[in-house]
Amino acid sequence: PTTHLDAPHQRALLRSLRARAARGAA
């Protein structure tokens, strides 16, 4: 999923995925 993303957007994506996992997603 981080293909073509710059470093700030990579970090933002990882935060989003972690937040969704925290809310119960696998």
PDB file of all heavy atoms in Angstrom:
ATOM      1  N   PRO A   1       0.803  -1.232   0.000  1.00  0.00           N
ATOM      2  CA  PRO A   1       0.000   0.000   0.000  1.00  0.00           C
ATOM      3  C   PRO A   1       0.832   1.277   0.000  1.00  0.00           C
ATOM      4  O   PRO A   1       0.299   2.350  -0.321  1.00  0.00           O
ATOM      5  CB  PRO A   1      -0.813  -0.118   1.294  1.00  0.00           C
ATOM      6  CG  PRO A   1       0.039  -0.970   2.191  1.00  0.00           C
ATOM      7  CD  PRO A   1       0.680  -1.968   1.266  1.00  0.00           C
ATOM      8  N   THR A   2       2.119   1.205   0.365  1.00  0.00           N
ATOM      9  CA  THR A   2       2.936   2.425   0.421  1.00  0.00           C
ATOM     10  C   THR A   2       3.589   2.758  -0.920  1.00  0.00           C
ATOM     11  O   THR A   2       4.340   3.736  -1.014  1.00  0.00           O
ATOM     12  CB  THR A   2       4.030   2.288   1.487  1.00  0.00           C
ATOM     13  OG1 THR A   2       4.855   1.159   1.193  1.00  0.00           O
ATOM     14  CG2 THR A   2       3.417   2.106   2.870  1.00  0.00           C
ATOM     15  N   THR A   3       3.312   1.976  -1.961  1.00  0.00           N
ATOM     16  CA  THR A   3       3.870   2.246  -3.287  1.00  0.00           C
ATOM     17  C   THR A   3       3.549   3.677  -3.724  1.00  0.00           C
ATOM     18  O   THR A   3       2.400   4.129  -3.615  1.00  0.00           O
ATOM     19  CB  THR A   3       3.288   1.261  -4.316  1.00  0.00           C
ATOM     20  OG1 THR A   3       3.658  -0.062  -3.940  1.00  0.00           O
ATOM     21  CG2 THR A   3       3.818   1.547  -5.715  1.00  0.00           C
ATOM     22  N   HIS A   4       4.555   4.397  -4.194  1.00  0.00           N
ATOM     23  CA  HIS A   4       4.441   5.780  -4.698  1.00  0.00           C
ATOM     24  C   HIS A   4       4.219   6.828  -3.601  1.00  0.00           C
ATOM     25  O   HIS A   4       4.182   8.023  -3.919  1.00  0.00           O
ATOM     26  CB  HIS A   4       3.312   5.913  -5.732  1.00  0.00           C
ATOM     27  CG  HIS A   4       3.456   5.023  -6.918  1.00  0.00           C
ATOM     28  ND1 HIS A   4       4.569   5.024  -7.731  1.00  0.00           N
ATOM     29  CD2 HIS A   4       2.612   4.081  -7.438  1.00  0.00           C
ATOM     30  CE1 HIS A   4       4.411   4.132  -8.693  1.00  0.00           C
ATOM     31  NE2 HIS A   4       3.235   3.554  -8.541  1.00  0.00           N
ATOM     32  N   LEU A   5       4.058   6.415  -2.361  1.00  0.00           N
ATOM     33  CA  LEU A   5       3.797   7.396  -1.311  1.00  0.00           C
ATOM     34  C   LEU A   5       5.112   7.977  -0.792  1.00  0.00           C
ATOM     35  O   LEU A   5       6.093   7.258  -0.608  1.00  0.00           O
ATOM     36  CB  LEU A   5       3.042   6.756  -0.145  1.00  0.00           C
ATOM     37  CG  LEU A   5       1.649   6.196  -0.424  1.00  0.00           C
ATOM     38  CD1 LEU A   5       1.014   5.713   0.868  1.00  0.00           C
ATOM     39  CD2 LEU A   5       0.762   7.225  -1.109  1.00  0.00           C
ATOM     40  N   ASP A   6       5.111   9.285  -0.529  1.00  0.00           N
ATOM     41  CA  ASP A   6       6.281   9.887   0.092  1.00  0.00           C
ATOM     42  C   ASP A   6       6.277   9.561   1.591  1.00  0.00           C
ATOM     43  O   ASP A   6       5.313   8.984   2.121  1.00  0.00           O
ATOM     44  CB  ASP A   6       6.324  11.397  -0.160  1.00  0.00           C
ATOM     45  CG  ASP A   6       5.077  12.121   0.331  1.00  0.00           C
ATOM     46  OD1 ASP A   6       4.354  11.574   1.190  1.00  0.00           O
ATOM     47  OD2 ASP A   6       4.814  13.239  -0.143  1.00  0.00           O
ATOM     48  N   ALA A   7       7.357   9.920   2.271  1.00  0.00           N
ATOM     49  CA  ALA A   7       7.524   9.520   3.665  1.00  0.00           C
ATOM     50  C   ALA A   7       6.391  10.009   4.570  1.00  0.00           C
ATOM     51  O   ALA A   7       5.865   9.230   5.381  1.00  0.00           O
ATOM     52  CB  ALA A   7       8.884   9.985   4.187  1.00  0.00           C
ATOM     53  N   PRO A   8       5.953  11.278   4.469  1.00  0.00           N
ATOM     54  CA  PRO A   8       4.852  11.704   5.342  1.00  0.00           C
ATOM     55  C   PRO A   8       3.568  10.909   5.119  1.00  0.00           C
ATOM     56  O   PRO A   8       2.868  10.575   6.082  1.00  0.00           O
ATOM     57  CB  PRO A   8       4.665  13.186   4.977  1.00  0.00           C
ATOM     58  CG  PRO A   8       5.991  13.614   4.438  1.00  0.00           C
ATOM     59  CD  PRO A   8       6.516  12.413   3.701  1.00  0.00           C
ATOM     60  N   HIS A   9       3.269  10.598   3.860  1.00  0.00           N
ATOM     61  CA  HIS A   9       2.037   9.842   3.604  1.00  0.00           C
ATOM     62  C   HIS A   9       2.195   8.366   3.961  1.00  0.00           C
ATOM     63  O   HIS A   9       1.208   7.704   4.293  1.00  0.00           O
ATOM     64  CB  HIS A   9       1.605  10.014   2.148  1.00  0.00           C
ATOM     65  CG  HIS A   9       1.036  11.361   1.855  1.00  0.00           C
ATOM     66  ND1 HIS A   9       1.716  12.330   1.151  1.00  0.00           N
ATOM     67  CD2 HIS A   9      -0.147  11.936   2.216  1.00  0.00           C
ATOM     68  CE1 HIS A   9       0.978  13.423   1.070  1.00  0.00           C
ATOM     69  NE2 HIS A   9      -0.155  13.211   1.699  1.00  0.00           N
ATOM     70  N   GLN A  10       3.397   7.834   3.898  1.00  0.00           N
ATOM     71  CA  GLN A  10       3.623   6.482   4.404  1.00  0.00           C
ATOM     72  C   GLN A  10       3.319   6.419   5.895  1.00  0.00           C
ATOM     73  O   GLN A  10       2.619   5.512   6.368  1.00  0.00           O
ATOM     74  CB  GLN A  10       5.065   6.047   4.137  1.00  0.00           C
ATOM     75  CG  GLN A  10       5.374   5.747   2.696  1.00  0.00           C
ATOM     76  CD  GLN A  10       6.819   5.307   2.504  1.00  0.00           C
ATOM     77  OE1 GLN A  10       7.633   5.340   3.425  1.00  0.00           O
ATOM     78  NE2 GLN A  10       7.145   4.893   1.295  1.00  0.00           N
ATOM     79  N   ARG A  11       3.851   7.370   6.653  1.00  0.00           N
ATOM     80  CA  ARG A  11       3.608   7.400   8.094  1.00  0.00           C
ATOM     81  C   ARG A  11       2.127   7.604   8.388  1.00  0.00           C
ATOM     82  O   ARG A  11       1.576   6.984   9.315  1.00  0.00           O
ATOM     83  CB  ARG A  11       4.441   8.498   8.749  1.00  0.00           C
ATOM     84  CG  ARG A  11       5.931   8.199   8.783  1.00  0.00           C
ATOM     85  CD  ARG A  11       6.711   9.370   9.372  1.00  0.00           C
ATOM     86  NE  ARG A  11       6.339   9.623  10.741  1.00  0.00           N
ATOM     87  CZ  ARG A  11       6.877   9.022  11.795  1.00  0.00           C
ATOM     88  NH1 ARG A  11       7.819   8.096  11.616  1.00  0.00           N
ATOM     89  NH2 ARG A  11       6.500   9.321  13.026  1.00  0.00           N
ATOM     90  N   ALA A  12       1.464   8.454   7.603  1.00  0.00           N
ATOM     91  CA  ALA A  12       0.035   8.686   7.811  1.00  0.00           C
ATOM     92  C   ALA A  12      -0.766   7.414   7.556  1.00  0.00           C
ATOM     93  O   ALA A  12      -1.717   7.105   8.290  1.00  0.00           O
ATOM     94  CB  ALA A  12      -0.452   9.808   6.899  1.00  0.00           C
ATOM     95  N   LEU A  13      -0.373   6.663   6.523  1.00  0.00           N
ATOM     96  CA  LEU A  13      -1.071   5.409   6.237  1.00  0.00           C
ATOM     97  C   LEU A  13      -0.889   4.422   7.379  1.00  0.00           C
ATOM     98  O   LEU A  13      -1.848   3.762   7.809  1.00  0.00           O
ATOM     99  CB  LEU A  13      -0.549   4.800   4.930  1.00  0.00           C
ATOM    100  CG  LEU A  13      -1.055   3.383   4.627  1.00  0.00           C
ATOM    101  CD1 LEU A  13      -2.578   3.361   4.492  1.00  0.00           C
ATOM    102  CD2 LEU A  13      -0.402   2.836   3.369  1.00  0.00           C
ATOM    103  N   LEU A  14       0.329   4.288   7.886  1.00  0.00           N
ATOM    104  CA  LEU A  14       0.560   3.350   8.981  1.00  0.00           C
ATOM    105  C   LEU A  14      -0.253   3.747  10.212  1.00  0.00           C
ATOM    106  O   LEU A  14      -0.775   2.883  10.921  1.00  0.00           O
ATOM    107  CB  LEU A  14       2.050   3.286   9.320  1.00  0.00           C
ATOM    108  CG  LEU A  14       2.970   2.798   8.193  1.00  0.00           C
ATOM    109  CD1 LEU A  14       4.359   2.513   8.740  1.00  0.00           C
ATOM    110  CD2 LEU A  14       2.408   1.568   7.489  1.00  0.00           C
ATOM    111  N   ARG A  15      -0.375   5.054  10.470  1.00  0.00           N
ATOM    112  CA  ARG A  15      -1.217   5.494  11.587  1.00  0.00           C
ATOM    113  C   ARG A  15      -2.679   5.101  11.352  1.00  0.00           C
ATOM    114  O   ARG A  15      -3.376   4.684  12.285  1.00  0.00           O
ATOM    115  CB  ARG A  15      -1.097   7.008  11.783  1.00  0.00           C
ATOM    116  CG  ARG A  15       0.212   7.459  12.404  1.00  0.00           C
ATOM    117  CD  ARG A  15       0.123   8.901  12.898  1.00  0.00           C
ATOM    118  NE  ARG A  15      -0.132   9.833  11.811  1.00  0.00           N
ATOM    119  CZ  ARG A  15       0.814  10.451  11.117  1.00  0.00           C
ATOM    120  NH1 ARG A  15       2.093  10.208  11.377  1.00  0.00           N
ATOM    121  NH2 ARG A  15       0.500  11.301  10.152  1.00  0.00           N
ATOM    122  N   SER A  16      -3.140   5.239  10.108  1.00  0.00           N
ATOM    123  CA  SER A  16      -4.517   4.863   9.790  1.00  0.00           C
ATOM    124  C   SER A  16      -4.751   3.376  10.001  1.00  0.00           C
ATOM    125  O   SER A  16      -5.770   2.967  10.567  1.00  0.00           O
ATOM    126  CB  SER A  16      -4.844   5.235   8.342  1.00  0.00           C
ATOM    127  OG  SER A  16      -4.855   6.628   8.154  1.00  0.00           O
ATOM    128  N   LEU A  17      -3.817   2.556   9.544  1.00  0.00           N
ATOM    129  CA  LEU A  17      -3.970   1.109   9.702  1.00  0.00           C
ATOM    130  C   LEU A  17      -3.945   0.720  11.175  1.00  0.00           C
ATOM    131  O   LEU A  17      -4.720  -0.133  11.623  1.00  0.00           O
ATOM    132  CB  LEU A  17      -2.868   0.384   8.936  1.00  0.00           C
ATOM    133  CG  LEU A  17      -2.873   0.575   7.416  1.00  0.00           C
ATOM    134  CD1 LEU A  17      -1.738  -0.208   6.778  1.00  0.00           C
ATOM    135  CD2 LEU A  17      -4.215   0.177   6.811  1.00  0.00           C
ATOM    136  N   ARG A  18      -3.043   1.345  11.926  1.00  0.00           N
ATOM    137  CA  ARG A  18      -2.982   1.039  13.357  1.00  0.00           C
ATOM    138  C   ARG A  18      -4.269   1.473  14.049  1.00  0.00           C
ATOM    139  O   ARG A  18      -4.780   0.759  14.931  1.00  0.00           O
ATOM    140  CB  ARG A  18      -1.774   1.722  13.985  1.00  0.00           C
ATOM    141  CG  ARG A  18      -1.567   1.351  15.446  1.00  0.00           C
ATOM    142  CD  ARG A  18      -0.252   1.827  15.985  1.00  0.00           C
ATOM    143  NE  ARG A  18       0.866   1.142  15.372  1.00  0.00           N
ATOM    144  CZ  ARG A  18       1.224  -0.100  15.650  1.00  0.00           C
ATOM    145  NH1 ARG A  18       0.521  -0.806  16.529  1.00  0.00           N
ATOM    146  NH2 ARG A  18       2.257  -0.654  15.053  1.00  0.00           N
ATOM    147  N   ALA A  19      -4.817   2.620  13.662  1.00  0.00           N
ATOM    148  CA  ALA A  19      -6.062   3.092  14.277  1.00  0.00           C
ATOM    149  C   ALA A  19      -7.215   2.144  13.969  1.00  0.00           C
ATOM    150  O   ALA A  19      -8.051   1.860  14.839  1.00  0.00           O
ATOM    151  CB  ALA A  19      -6.384   4.500  13.787  1.00  0.00           C
ATOM    152  N   ARG A  20      -7.267   1.628  12.749  1.00  0.00           N
ATOM    153  CA  ARG A  20      -8.337   0.691  12.406  1.00  0.00           C
ATOM    154  C   ARG A  20      -8.185  -0.620  13.153  1.00  0.00           C
ATOM    155  O   ARG A  20      -9.175  -1.216  13.577  1.00  0.00           O
ATOM    156  CB  ARG A  20      -8.365   0.469  10.887  1.00  0.00           C
ATOM    157  CG  ARG A  20      -9.203   1.526  10.219  1.00  0.00           C
ATOM    158  CD  ARG A  20      -9.072   1.573   8.731  1.00  0.00           C
ATOM    159  NE  ARG A  20     -10.088   2.473   8.192  1.00  0.00           N
ATOM    160  CZ  ARG A  20     -10.107   3.786   8.340  1.00  0.00           C
ATOM    161  NH1 ARG A  20      -9.140   4.366   9.016  1.00  0.00           N
ATOM    162  NH2 ARG A  20     -11.067   4.536   7.852  1.00  0.00           N
ATOM    163  N   ALA A  21      -6.955  -1.079  13.306  1.00  0.00           N
ATOM    164  CA  ALA A  21      -6.737  -2.274  14.115  1.00  0.00           C
ATOM    165  C   ALA A  21      -7.177  -2.028  15.556  1.00  0.00           C
ATOM    166  O   ALA A  21      -7.814  -2.882  16.176  1.00  0.00           O
ATOM    167  CB  ALA A  21      -5.268  -2.692  14.059  1.00  0.00           C
ATOM    168  N   ALA A  22      -6.873  -0.848  16.086  1.00  0.00           N
ATOM    169  CA  ALA A  22      -7.264  -0.527  17.462  1.00  0.00           C
ATOM    170  C   ALA A  22      -8.785  -0.516  17.614  1.00  0.00           C
ATOM    171  O   ALA A  22      -9.302  -0.787  18.703  1.00  0.00           O
ATOM    172  CB  ALA A  22      -6.684   0.825  17.866  1.00  0.00           C
ATOM    173  N   ARG A  23      -9.484  -0.217  16.510  1.00  0.00           N
ATOM    174  CA  ARG A  23     -10.953  -0.204  16.563  1.00  0.00           C
ATOM    175  C   ARG A  23     -11.547  -1.576  16.231  1.00  0.00           C
ATOM    176  O   ARG A  23     -12.765  -1.706  16.105  1.00  0.00           O
ATOM    177  CB  ARG A  23     -11.503   0.851  15.607  1.00  0.00           C
ATOM    178  CG  ARG A  23     -11.149   2.270  16.013  1.00  0.00           C
ATOM    179  CD  ARG A  23     -12.056   3.299  15.346  1.00  0.00           C
ATOM    180  NE  ARG A  23     -11.934   3.333  13.901  1.00  0.00           N
ATOM    181  CZ  ARG A  23     -11.117   4.160  13.245  1.00  0.00           C
ATOM    182  NH1 ARG A  23     -10.309   4.973  13.921  1.00  0.00           N
ATOM    183  NH2 ARG A  23     -11.087   4.151  11.938  1.00  0.00           N
ATOM    184  N   GLY A  24     -10.685  -2.589  16.054  1.00  0.00           N
ATOM    185  CA  GLY A  24     -11.187  -3.949  15.918  1.00  0.00           C
ATOM    186  C   GLY A  24     -11.015  -4.598  14.566  1.00  0.00           C
ATOM    187  O   GLY A  24     -11.458  -5.735  14.365  1.00  0.00           O
ATOM    188  N   ALA A  25     -10.385  -3.918  13.608  1.00  0.00           N
ATOM    189  CA  ALA A  25     -10.163  -4.541  12.298  1.00  0.00           C
ATOM    190  C   ALA A  25      -8.981  -5.508  12.364  1.00  0.00           C
ATOM    191  O   ALA A  25      -8.069  -5.356  13.182  1.00  0.00           O
ATOM    192  CB  ALA A  25      -9.898  -3.478  11.243  1.00  0.00           C
ATOM    193  N   ALA A  26      -9.015  -6.507  11.503  1.00  0.00           N
ATOM    194  CA  ALA A  26      -7.866  -7.381  11.277  1.00  0.00           C
ATOM    195  C   ALA A  26      -7.175  -6.877  10.017  1.00  0.00           C
ATOM    196  O   ALA A  26      -7.776  -6.838   8.950  1.00  0.00           O
ATOM    197  CB  ALA A  26      -8.312  -8.829  11.098  1.00  0.00           C
TER     198      ALA A  26
END
